[in-house]
Amino acid sequence: MQTFPLGSFHVGRVGFGAMQLPGPGVFGPPRDRDQALAVLRRAIELGIDHIDTAQFYGPDVSNELIREALHPYPADLALVTKVGGRRDDNAAWLPAQDPDEVRASLEENLRTLDTDRLAAANLRVFDEGGDANQPAQVNRELFDRQLTAMIKARDEGLIAGIGLSSIGPEHLRIALDRTEIVCVQNAYNLVDRTSQPVMDACLERGIAFVPFFPLGSAFAADNPVPGHPAVQREAARLGRTPAQVALAWTLSVAPNVLLIPGTSSVPHLEENTAVADIELDEDTKRELDDAAG
């Protein structure tokens, strides 16, 4: 599998996202704990060396599953988390943007994963009243204080690298004026390329771009990505699933793209990992390149 730098790590371009391991709505225990543990162990067997998680998945559930399944961790495993959010007792997704909350979340991730250091932590920027899955507006004063907390955590050795999530180009410019950024995690897929300018800026600077919702929102009733006619046609031609074709297209967009598709099924995990071997024909690639909504 091809690799790309994630800070001090070189990771395969297909990793694993732990968001689907907890129960429905990314809340509470998994439907099948043994299966969730089997997925994580199989991921390592398949050579996956990049796992994305967050303490607020569950909360605590995904981290505790990762710890139970994989600790002590392989030396080359890049564990990456997100900070800046929390859950309430009703499973709502809420911002936790104060720098003290960011620091506390980092420490909680380390505790629940039982590790002294993470490969990276993504500062998840929330826009009050905005679409949580689209780049937030810049609150310069708060963002500067958040960056100070992240830089302090890195300099103290709690994280090896600083990442950002749900940001716009201005966030990236501000951050790079202050520190190195090792990865950016934004929503991006075949029909929603709002974050294309951020991806392009990351490519120019050698920063890993990690798209979430590469198959469209996991919470949407209708999903136009695997249902796109060109995706369906190419899947039939190759004998692959539409999801595999959509993921393969996402990998083809730029060499700095790192996928983290999630699942709670071992067969589905194996399907996702196999997308690194898919080559789209030029006509299909061109049509999919032009498919943004």
C-alpha atoms as a PDB file:
ATOM      1  CA  MET A   1       0.000   0.000   0.000  1.00  0.00           C
ATOM      2  CA  GLN A   2       1.204   3.518  -0.764  1.00  0.00           C
ATOM      3  CA  THR A   3       2.093   5.675   2.221  1.00  0.00           C
ATOM      4  CA  PHE A   4       2.118   9.363   3.088  1.00  0.00           C
ATOM      5  CA  PRO A   5       3.674  11.216   6.032  1.00  0.00           C
ATOM      6  CA  LEU A   6       1.500  11.897   9.056  1.00  0.00           C
ATOM      7  CA  GLY A   7       3.919  13.971  11.070  1.00  0.00           C
ATOM      8  CA  SER A   8       6.697  11.664  12.209  1.00  0.00           C
ATOM      9  CA  PHE A   9       4.792   8.589  10.972  1.00  0.00           C
ATOM     10  CA  HIS A  10       4.544   7.209   7.442  1.00  0.00           C
ATOM     11  CA  VAL A  11       1.150   5.549   7.237  1.00  0.00           C
ATOM     12  CA  GLY A  12      -0.734   3.564   4.632  1.00  0.00           C
ATOM     13  CA  ARG A  13      -3.178   5.668   2.670  1.00  0.00           C
ATOM     14  CA  VAL A  14      -6.103   3.517   3.877  1.00  0.00           C
ATOM     15  CA  GLY A  15      -6.548   3.595   7.636  1.00  0.00           C
ATOM     16  CA  PHE A  16      -9.478   2.949   9.939  1.00  0.00           C
ATOM     17  CA  GLY A  17     -11.978   5.295  11.556  1.00  0.00           C
ATOM     18  CA  ALA A  18     -13.423   4.137  14.879  1.00  0.00           C
ATOM     19  CA  MET A  19     -16.595   6.232  14.705  1.00  0.00           C
ATOM     20  CA  GLN A  20     -18.849   3.289  13.879  1.00  0.00           C
ATOM     21  CA  LEU A  21     -17.663   1.056  16.721  1.00  0.00           C
ATOM     22  CA  PRO A  22     -19.973   2.450  19.440  1.00  0.00           C
ATOM     23  CA  GLY A  23     -23.731   1.996  19.389  1.00  0.00           C
ATOM     24  CA  PRO A  24     -26.301   3.767  17.185  1.00  0.00           C
ATOM     25  CA  GLY A  25     -25.637   7.474  16.817  1.00  0.00           C
ATOM     26  CA  VAL A  26     -22.032   6.914  17.950  1.00  0.00           C
ATOM     27  CA  PHE A  27     -23.422   6.625  21.479  1.00  0.00           C
ATOM     28  CA  GLY A  28     -23.285   3.871  24.062  1.00  0.00           C
ATOM     29  CA  PRO A  29     -21.870   0.358  23.804  1.00  0.00           C
ATOM     30  CA  PRO A  30     -21.532  -1.511  20.505  1.00  0.00           C
ATOM     31  CA  ARG A  31     -24.272  -3.822  19.311  1.00  0.00           C
ATOM     32  CA  ASP A  32     -21.723  -6.648  19.324  1.00  0.00           C
ATOM     33  CA  ARG A  33     -18.640  -6.071  21.472  1.00  0.00           C
ATOM     34  CA  ASP A  34     -16.799  -9.179  20.307  1.00  0.00           C
ATOM     35  CA  GLN A  35     -17.283  -8.179  16.694  1.00  0.00           C
ATOM     36  CA  ALA A  36     -16.039  -4.646  17.372  1.00  0.00           C
ATOM     37  CA  LEU A  37     -12.886  -6.064  18.956  1.00  0.00           C
ATOM     38  CA  ALA A  38     -12.449  -8.455  16.028  1.00  0.00           C
ATOM     39  CA  VAL A  39     -12.638  -5.553  13.565  1.00  0.00           C
ATOM     40  CA  LEU A  40      -9.814  -3.729  15.323  1.00  0.00           C
ATOM     41  CA  ARG A  41      -7.612  -6.818  15.498  1.00  0.00           C
ATOM     42  CA  ARG A  42      -8.270  -7.635  11.855  1.00  0.00           C
ATOM     43  CA  ALA A  43      -7.336  -4.072  10.900  1.00  0.00           C
ATOM     44  CA  ILE A  44      -3.863  -4.610  12.326  1.00  0.00           C
ATOM     45  CA  GLU A  45      -3.602  -8.001  10.582  1.00  0.00           C
ATOM     46  CA  LEU A  46      -4.405  -6.252   7.283  1.00  0.00           C
ATOM     47  CA  GLY A  47      -1.504  -3.857   7.819  1.00  0.00           C
ATOM     48  CA  ILE A  48      -3.529  -0.811   8.836  1.00  0.00           C
ATOM     49  CA  ASP A  49      -1.268   1.516  10.807  1.00  0.00           C
ATOM     50  CA  HIS A  50      -3.491   4.608  11.200  1.00  0.00           C
ATOM     51  CA  ILE A  51      -6.532   4.575  13.488  1.00  0.00           C
ATOM     52  CA  ASP A  52      -8.674   7.654  14.005  1.00  0.00           C
ATOM     53  CA  THR A  53     -10.746   7.947  17.171  1.00  0.00           C
ATOM     54  CA  ALA A  54     -12.133  10.434  19.706  1.00  0.00           C
ATOM     55  CA  GLN A  55     -13.018  10.300  23.378  1.00  0.00           C
ATOM     56  CA  PHE A  56     -16.484  11.673  22.519  1.00  0.00           C
ATOM     57  CA  TYR A  57     -17.242   8.600  20.374  1.00  0.00           C
ATOM     58  CA  GLY A  58     -19.424   6.766  22.818  1.00  0.00           C
ATOM     59  CA  PRO A  59     -18.245   8.685  24.842  1.00  0.00           C
ATOM     60  CA  ASP A  60     -15.159   6.658  25.807  1.00  0.00           C
ATOM     61  CA  VAL A  61     -16.454   3.570  23.978  1.00  0.00           C
ATOM     62  CA  SER A  62     -14.228   3.611  20.897  1.00  0.00           C
ATOM     63  CA  ASN A  63     -11.105   4.403  22.915  1.00  0.00           C
ATOM     64  CA  GLU A  64     -11.781   1.647  25.414  1.00  0.00           C
ATOM     65  CA  LEU A  65     -12.395  -0.862  22.615  1.00  0.00           C
ATOM     66  CA  ILE A  66      -9.133   0.134  20.940  1.00  0.00           C
ATOM     67  CA  ARG A  67      -7.275  -0.278  24.219  1.00  0.00           C
ATOM     68  CA  GLU A  68      -8.802  -3.681  24.917  1.00  0.00           C
ATOM     69  CA  ALA A  69      -8.184  -4.993  21.408  1.00  0.00           C
ATOM     70  CA  LEU A  70      -4.743  -3.611  20.667  1.00  0.00           C
ATOM     71  CA  HIS A  71      -2.843  -2.594  23.796  1.00  0.00           C
ATOM     72  CA  PRO A  72       0.152  -2.771  23.964  1.00  0.00           C
ATOM     73  CA  TYR A  73       0.111  -0.973  20.635  1.00  0.00           C
ATOM     74  CA  PRO A  74       2.362  -1.793  17.672  1.00  0.00           C
ATOM     75  CA  ALA A  75       5.254   0.655  17.507  1.00  0.00           C
ATOM     76  CA  ASP A  76       4.259   1.836  14.026  1.00  0.00           C
ATOM     77  CA  LEU A  77       0.570   2.417  14.847  1.00  0.00           C
ATOM     78  CA  ALA A  78      -0.455   6.062  14.503  1.00  0.00           C
ATOM     79  CA  LEU A  79      -3.287   6.696  16.946  1.00  0.00           C
ATOM     80  CA  VAL A  80      -5.000   9.996  16.141  1.00  0.00           C
ATOM     81  CA  THR A  81      -7.787  11.612  18.133  1.00  0.00           C
ATOM     82  CA  LYS A  82     -10.013  14.685  18.004  1.00  0.00           C
ATOM     83  CA  VAL A  83     -10.614  17.281  20.692  1.00  0.00           C
ATOM     84  CA  GLY A  84     -12.949  20.253  20.913  1.00  0.00           C
ATOM     85  CA  GLY A  85     -16.279  18.435  21.305  1.00  0.00           C
ATOM     86  CA  ARG A  86     -18.295  16.513  23.861  1.00  0.00           C
ATOM     87  CA  ARG A  87     -21.557  14.587  24.240  1.00  0.00           C
ATOM     88  CA  ASP A  88     -24.401  15.125  26.668  1.00  0.00           C
ATOM     89  CA  ASP A  89     -26.652  12.490  28.237  1.00  0.00           C
ATOM     90  CA  ASN A  90     -29.040  12.774  25.277  1.00  0.00           C
ATOM     91  CA  ALA A  91     -26.263  11.970  22.769  1.00  0.00           C
ATOM     92  CA  ALA A  92     -26.143  15.531  21.424  1.00  0.00           C
ATOM     93  CA  TRP A  93     -22.886  16.712  19.836  1.00  0.00           C
ATOM     94  CA  LEU A  94     -21.730  19.837  21.676  1.00  0.00           C
ATOM     95  CA  PRO A  95     -18.705  22.112  21.379  1.00  0.00           C
ATOM     96  CA  ALA A  96     -16.020  22.033  24.055  1.00  0.00           C
ATOM     97  CA  GLN A  97     -13.847  24.780  22.629  1.00  0.00           C
ATOM     98  CA  ASP A  98     -12.353  26.469  25.662  1.00  0.00           C
ATOM     99  CA  PRO A  99      -8.587  25.796  25.783  1.00  0.00           C
ATOM    100  CA  ASP A 100      -8.949  24.215  29.217  1.00  0.00           C
ATOM    101  CA  GLU A 101     -11.559  21.831  27.762  1.00  0.00           C
ATOM    102  CA  VAL A 102      -9.237  21.041  24.858  1.00  0.00           C
ATOM    103  CA  ARG A 103      -6.452  20.166  27.281  1.00  0.00           C
ATOM    104  CA  ALA A 104      -8.753  18.086  29.479  1.00  0.00           C
ATOM    105  CA  SER A 105      -9.985  16.180  26.418  1.00  0.00           C
ATOM    106  CA  LEU A 106      -6.425  15.407  25.366  1.00  0.00           C
ATOM    107  CA  GLU A 107      -5.645  14.043  28.802  1.00  0.00           C
ATOM    108  CA  GLU A 108      -8.851  11.982  28.822  1.00  0.00           C
ATOM    109  CA  ASN A 109      -7.937  10.471  25.455  1.00  0.00           C
ATOM    110  CA  LEU A 110      -4.540   9.466  26.776  1.00  0.00           C
ATOM    111  CA  ARG A 111      -6.141   7.919  29.856  1.00  0.00           C
ATOM    112  CA  THR A 112      -8.831   5.944  28.039  1.00  0.00           C
ATOM    113  CA  LEU A 113      -6.397   4.731  25.375  1.00  0.00           C
ATOM    114  CA  ASP A 114      -3.765   3.987  28.052  1.00  0.00           C
ATOM    115  CA  THR A 115      -0.921   5.645  26.207  1.00  0.00           C
ATOM    116  CA  ASP A 116       1.564   8.397  27.018  1.00  0.00           C
ATOM    117  CA  ARG A 117       1.578   9.947  23.570  1.00  0.00           C
ATOM    118  CA  LEU A 118      -0.617  10.143  20.472  1.00  0.00           C
ATOM    119  CA  ALA A 119       0.586  10.463  16.896  1.00  0.00           C
ATOM    120  CA  ALA A 120      -1.629  13.525  16.484  1.00  0.00           C
ATOM    121  CA  ALA A 121      -4.704  15.249  17.824  1.00  0.00           C
ATOM    122  CA  ASN A 122      -7.090  17.163  15.599  1.00  0.00           C
ATOM    123  CA  LEU A 123      -8.537  20.359  17.017  1.00  0.00           C
ATOM    124  CA  ARG A 124     -12.177  20.099  15.905  1.00  0.00           C
ATOM    125  CA  VAL A 125     -13.380  23.658  15.288  1.00  0.00           C
ATOM    126  CA  PHE A 126     -17.099  24.188  15.866  1.00  0.00           C
ATOM    127  CA  ASP A 127     -19.083  27.058  14.392  1.00  0.00           C
ATOM    128  CA  GLU A 128     -21.874  28.068  16.782  1.00  0.00           C
ATOM    129  CA  GLY A 129     -25.139  27.800  14.874  1.00  0.00           C
ATOM    130  CA  GLY A 130     -23.429  26.610  11.691  1.00  0.00           C
ATOM    131  CA  ASP A 131     -23.240  23.289   9.873  1.00  0.00           C
ATOM    132  CA  ALA A 132     -21.009  21.125  12.072  1.00  0.00           C
ATOM    133  CA  ASN A 133     -19.758  19.223   9.016  1.00  0.00           C
ATOM    134  CA  GLN A 134     -18.642  22.266   7.034  1.00  0.00           C
ATOM    135  CA  PRO A 135     -15.674  24.582   7.635  1.00  0.00           C
ATOM    136  CA  ALA A 136     -16.284  26.877  10.592  1.00  0.00           C
ATOM    137  CA  GLN A 137     -15.956  30.634  10.639  1.00  0.00           C
ATOM    138  CA  VAL A 138     -12.786  32.006  12.193  1.00  0.00           C
ATOM    139  CA  ASN A 139     -12.919  33.253  15.781  1.00  0.00           C
ATOM    140  CA  ARG A 140      -9.358  34.560  15.811  1.00  0.00           C
ATOM    141  CA  GLU A 141      -9.040  35.215  19.537  1.00  0.00           C
ATOM    142  CA  LEU A 142     -10.386  31.786  20.542  1.00  0.00           C
ATOM    143  CA  PHE A 143      -8.480  29.966  17.802  1.00  0.00           C
ATOM    144  CA  ASP A 144      -5.197  31.515  18.922  1.00  0.00           C
ATOM    145  CA  ARG A 145      -5.810  30.374  22.502  1.00  0.00           C
ATOM    146  CA  GLN A 146      -6.721  26.883  21.298  1.00  0.00           C
ATOM    147  CA  LEU A 147      -3.535  26.703  19.251  1.00  0.00           C
ATOM    148  CA  THR A 148      -1.541  27.747  22.310  1.00  0.00           C
ATOM    149  CA  ALA A 149      -3.039  24.810  24.230  1.00  0.00           C
ATOM    150  CA  MET A 150      -2.271  22.402  21.381  1.00  0.00           C
ATOM    151  CA  ILE A 151       1.305  23.651  20.992  1.00  0.00           C
ATOM    152  CA  LYS A 152       1.878  23.302  24.741  1.00  0.00           C
ATOM    153  CA  ALA A 153       0.575  19.711  24.671  1.00  0.00           C
ATOM    154  CA  ARG A 154       2.877  18.840  21.780  1.00  0.00           C
ATOM    155  CA  ASP A 155       5.890  20.487  23.389  1.00  0.00           C
ATOM    156  CA  GLU A 156       5.178  18.507  26.571  1.00  0.00           C
ATOM    157  CA  GLY A 157       5.130  15.278  24.566  1.00  0.00           C
ATOM    158  CA  LEU A 158       1.433  14.403  24.905  1.00  0.00           C
ATOM    159  CA  ILE A 159       1.016  14.443  21.110  1.00  0.00           C
ATOM    160  CA  ALA A 160       3.571  14.111  18.349  1.00  0.00           C
ATOM    161  CA  GLY A 161       1.708  16.404  15.965  1.00  0.00           C
ATOM    162  CA  ILE A 162      -1.099  18.942  15.738  1.00  0.00           C
ATOM    163  CA  GLY A 163      -4.012  18.478  13.367  1.00  0.00           C
ATOM    164  CA  LEU A 164      -7.083  20.566  12.568  1.00  0.00           C
ATOM    165  CA  SER A 165     -10.631  19.570  11.672  1.00  0.00           C
ATOM    166  CA  SER A 166     -13.596  21.342  10.038  1.00  0.00           C
ATOM    167  CA  ILE A 167     -11.507  24.357   9.122  1.00  0.00           C
ATOM    168  CA  GLY A 168     -11.347  26.838   6.277  1.00  0.00           C
ATOM    169  CA  PRO A 169      -8.272  28.198   4.486  1.00  0.00           C
ATOM    170  CA  GLU A 170      -7.899  31.095   6.935  1.00  0.00           C
ATOM    171  CA  HIS A 171      -7.636  28.723   9.902  1.00  0.00           C
ATOM    172  CA  LEU A 172      -4.832  26.900   8.126  1.00  0.00           C
ATOM    173  CA  ARG A 173      -2.986  30.125   7.302  1.00  0.00           C
ATOM    174  CA  ILE A 174      -3.232  31.337  10.902  1.00  0.00           C
ATOM    175  CA  ALA A 175      -2.103  27.997  12.302  1.00  0.00           C
ATOM    176  CA  LEU A 176       0.863  27.653   9.943  1.00  0.00           C
ATOM    177  CA  ASP A 177       2.083  31.096  10.959  1.00  0.00           C
ATOM    178  CA  ARG A 178       2.429  29.700  14.473  1.00  0.00           C
ATOM    179  CA  THR A 179       3.309  26.023  14.199  1.00  0.00           C
ATOM    180  CA  GLU A 180       3.613  22.912  12.056  1.00  0.00           C
ATOM    181  CA  ILE A 181       0.334  21.198  11.133  1.00  0.00           C
ATOM    182  CA  VAL A 182       0.585  17.486  10.308  1.00  0.00           C
ATOM    183  CA  CYS A 183      -2.970  16.744   9.139  1.00  0.00           C
ATOM    184  CA  VAL A 184      -6.323  18.306   8.349  1.00  0.00           C
ATOM    185  CA  GLN A 185      -9.600  16.417   8.651  1.00  0.00           C
ATOM    186  CA  ASN A 186     -12.560  17.963   6.790  1.00  0.00           C
ATOM    187  CA  ALA A 187     -15.713  16.670   5.147  1.00  0.00           C
ATOM    188  CA  TYR A 188     -15.004  15.847   1.499  1.00  0.00           C
ATOM    189  CA  ASN A 189     -16.500  13.480  -1.044  1.00  0.00           C
ATOM    190  CA  LEU A 190     -17.550  13.051  -4.638  1.00  0.00           C
ATOM    191  CA  VAL A 191     -20.468  15.509  -4.467  1.00  0.00           C
ATOM    192  CA  ASP A 192     -19.310  17.841  -1.668  1.00  0.00           C
ATOM    193  CA  ARG A 193     -15.954  19.471  -2.328  1.00  0.00           C
ATOM    194  CA  THR A 194     -16.392  22.585  -0.225  1.00  0.00           C
ATOM    195  CA  SER A 195     -12.991  21.852   1.291  1.00  0.00           C
ATOM    196  CA  GLN A 196     -11.139  21.663  -2.032  1.00  0.00           C
ATOM    197  CA  PRO A 197      -9.166  24.875  -1.311  1.00  0.00           C
ATOM    198  CA  VAL A 198      -8.046  23.423   2.021  1.00  0.00           C
ATOM    199  CA  MET A 199      -7.061  20.138   0.388  1.00  0.00           C
ATOM    200  CA  ASP A 200      -5.073  22.014  -2.273  1.00  0.00           C
ATOM    201  CA  ALA A 201      -3.283  24.075   0.378  1.00  0.00           C
ATOM    202  CA  CYS A 202      -2.421  20.920   2.291  1.00  0.00           C
ATOM    203  CA  LEU A 203      -1.060  19.252  -0.854  1.00  0.00           C
ATOM    204  CA  GLU A 204       1.130  22.259  -1.586  1.00  0.00           C
ATOM    205  CA  ARG A 205       2.607  22.092   1.918  1.00  0.00           C
ATOM    206  CA  GLY A 206       2.910  18.314   2.244  1.00  0.00           C
ATOM    207  CA  ILE A 207       0.184  18.069   4.908  1.00  0.00           C
ATOM    208  CA  ALA A 208      -1.978  14.947   5.099  1.00  0.00           C
ATOM    209  CA  PHE A 209      -5.650  15.577   4.209  1.00  0.00           C
ATOM    210  CA  VAL A 210      -8.032  13.131   5.875  1.00  0.00           C
ATOM    211  CA  PRO A 211     -11.578  13.347   4.468  1.00  0.00           C
ATOM    212  CA  PHE A 212     -14.440  12.403   6.739  1.00  0.00           C
ATOM    213  CA  PHE A 213     -17.754  11.307   5.219  1.00  0.00           C
ATOM    214  CA  PRO A 214     -15.986  10.179   1.985  1.00  0.00           C
ATOM    215  CA  LEU A 215     -19.153   8.204   1.195  1.00  0.00           C
ATOM    216  CA  GLY A 216     -21.450  11.038   2.211  1.00  0.00           C
ATOM    217  CA  SER A 217     -22.858  11.657   5.654  1.00  0.00           C
ATOM    218  CA  ALA A 218     -23.382   8.546   7.741  1.00  0.00           C
ATOM    219  CA  PHE A 219     -26.428  10.304   9.214  1.00  0.00           C
ATOM    220  CA  ALA A 220     -28.180  11.236   5.944  1.00  0.00           C
ATOM    221  CA  ALA A 221     -31.249   9.345   4.752  1.00  0.00           C
ATOM    222  CA  ASP A 222     -30.289   9.680   1.079  1.00  0.00           C
ATOM    223  CA  ASN A 223     -26.686   9.233   0.040  1.00  0.00           C
ATOM    224  CA  PRO A 224     -25.832  10.541  -3.438  1.00  0.00           C
ATOM    225  CA  VAL A 225     -22.222   9.313  -3.417  1.00  0.00           C
ATOM    226  CA  PRO A 226     -22.497   5.507  -3.887  1.00  0.00           C
ATOM    227  CA  GLY A 227     -25.706   6.115  -5.817  1.00  0.00           C
ATOM    228  CA  HIS A 228     -24.038   8.290  -8.454  1.00  0.00           C
ATOM    229  CA  PRO A 229     -24.592   6.744 -11.941  1.00  0.00           C
ATOM    230  CA  ALA A 230     -20.896   6.766 -12.830  1.00  0.00           C
ATOM    231  CA  VAL A 231     -20.039   5.087  -9.535  1.00  0.00           C
ATOM    232  CA  GLN A 232     -22.689   2.432 -10.106  1.00  0.00           C
ATOM    233  CA  ARG A 233     -21.527   1.792 -13.659  1.00  0.00           C
ATOM    234  CA  GLU A 234     -17.835   1.501 -12.735  1.00  0.00           C
ATOM    235  CA  ALA A 235     -18.670  -0.787  -9.823  1.00  0.00           C
ATOM    236  CA  ALA A 236     -20.512  -3.140 -12.158  1.00  0.00           C
ATOM    237  CA  ARG A 237     -17.632  -3.072 -14.672  1.00  0.00           C
ATOM    238  CA  LEU A 238     -15.008  -3.876 -12.039  1.00  0.00           C
ATOM    239  CA  GLY A 239     -17.089  -6.282  -9.981  1.00  0.00           C
ATOM    240  CA  ARG A 240     -16.666  -4.020  -6.963  1.00  0.00           C
ATOM    241  CA  THR A 241     -19.126  -2.295  -4.649  1.00  0.00           C
ATOM    242  CA  PRO A 242     -20.162   1.335  -5.264  1.00  0.00           C
ATOM    243  CA  ALA A 243     -18.624   2.248  -1.918  1.00  0.00           C
ATOM    244  CA  GLN A 244     -15.276   0.803  -3.008  1.00  0.00           C
ATOM    245  CA  VAL A 245     -15.348   2.813  -6.229  1.00  0.00           C
ATOM    246  CA  ALA A 246     -16.218   6.026  -4.388  1.00  0.00           C
ATOM    247  CA  LEU A 247     -13.378   5.457  -1.939  1.00  0.00           C
ATOM    248  CA  ALA A 248     -10.963   4.643  -4.765  1.00  0.00           C
ATOM    249  CA  TRP A 249     -11.917   7.909  -6.469  1.00  0.00           C
ATOM    250  CA  THR A 250     -11.235   9.811  -3.244  1.00  0.00           C
ATOM    251  CA  LEU A 251      -7.771   8.259  -3.028  1.00  0.00           C
ATOM    252  CA  SER A 252      -7.113   9.248  -6.640  1.00  0.00           C
ATOM    253  CA  VAL A 253      -7.794  12.951  -6.043  1.00  0.00           C
ATOM    254  CA  ALA A 254      -4.402  13.727  -4.515  1.00  0.00           C
ATOM    255  CA  PRO A 255      -1.432  11.797  -3.073  1.00  0.00           C
ATOM    256  CA  ASN A 256      -1.818  13.433   0.360  1.00  0.00           C
ATOM    257  CA  VAL A 257      -5.309  11.961   0.901  1.00  0.00           C
ATOM    258  CA  LEU A 258      -5.494   9.454   3.757  1.00  0.00           C
ATOM    259  CA  LEU A 259      -8.740   7.501   4.037  1.00  0.00           C
ATOM    260  CA  ILE A 260     -10.209   6.424   7.376  1.00  0.00           C
ATOM    261  CA  PRO A 261     -13.387   4.531   6.407  1.00  0.00           C
ATOM    262  CA  GLY A 262     -15.138   3.077   9.421  1.00  0.00           C
ATOM    263  CA  THR A 263     -17.183  -0.052   9.964  1.00  0.00           C
ATOM    264  CA  SER A 264     -18.228  -2.507  12.658  1.00  0.00           C
ATOM    265  CA  SER A 265     -18.026  -5.488  10.271  1.00  0.00           C
ATOM    266  CA  VAL A 266     -14.917  -7.534   9.443  1.00  0.00           C
ATOM    267  CA  PRO A 267     -16.014  -8.268   5.829  1.00  0.00           C
ATOM    268  CA  HIS A 268     -16.746  -4.582   5.296  1.00  0.00           C
ATOM    269  CA  LEU A 269     -13.348  -3.686   6.751  1.00  0.00           C
ATOM    270  CA  GLU A 270     -11.693  -6.049   4.271  1.00  0.00           C
ATOM    271  CA  GLU A 271     -13.641  -4.465   1.406  1.00  0.00           C
ATOM    272  CA  ASN A 272     -12.571  -0.984   2.485  1.00  0.00           C
ATOM    273  CA  THR A 273      -8.915  -1.954   2.771  1.00  0.00           C
ATOM    274  CA  ALA A 274      -8.960  -3.451  -0.728  1.00  0.00           C
ATOM    275  CA  VAL A 275      -9.734  -0.096  -2.372  1.00  0.00           C
ATOM    276  CA  ALA A 276      -6.027   0.726  -2.501  1.00  0.00           C
ATOM    277  CA  ASP A 277      -5.740  -1.757  -5.390  1.00  0.00           C
ATOM    278  CA  ILE A 278      -8.560  -0.316  -7.524  1.00  0.00           C
ATOM    279  CA  GLU A 279      -7.603   1.570 -10.690  1.00  0.00           C
ATOM    280  CA  LEU A 280     -10.371   3.608 -12.302  1.00  0.00           C
ATOM    281  CA  ASP A 281     -10.396   3.939 -16.070  1.00  0.00           C
ATOM    282  CA  GLU A 282      -9.664   7.414 -17.453  1.00  0.00           C
ATOM    283  CA  ASP A 283     -13.202   8.098 -18.680  1.00  0.00           C
ATOM    284  CA  THR A 284     -14.749   7.172 -15.340  1.00  0.00           C
ATOM    285  CA  LYS A 285     -12.144   9.169 -13.432  1.00  0.00           C
ATOM    286  CA  ARG A 286     -12.877  12.201 -15.612  1.00  0.00           C
ATOM    287  CA  GLU A 287     -16.623  11.847 -15.144  1.00  0.00           C
ATOM    288  CA  LEU A 288     -16.311  11.481 -11.392  1.00  0.00           C
ATOM    289  CA  ASP A 289     -13.919  14.431 -11.252  1.00  0.00           C
ATOM    290  CA  ASP A 290     -16.712  16.517 -12.825  1.00  0.00           C
ATOM    291  CA  ALA A 291     -19.484  15.173 -10.589  1.00  0.00           C
ATOM    292  CA  ALA A 292     -19.431  17.696  -7.738  1.00  0.00           C
ATOM    293  CA  GLY A 293     -22.871  18.991  -6.781  1.00  0.00           C
END
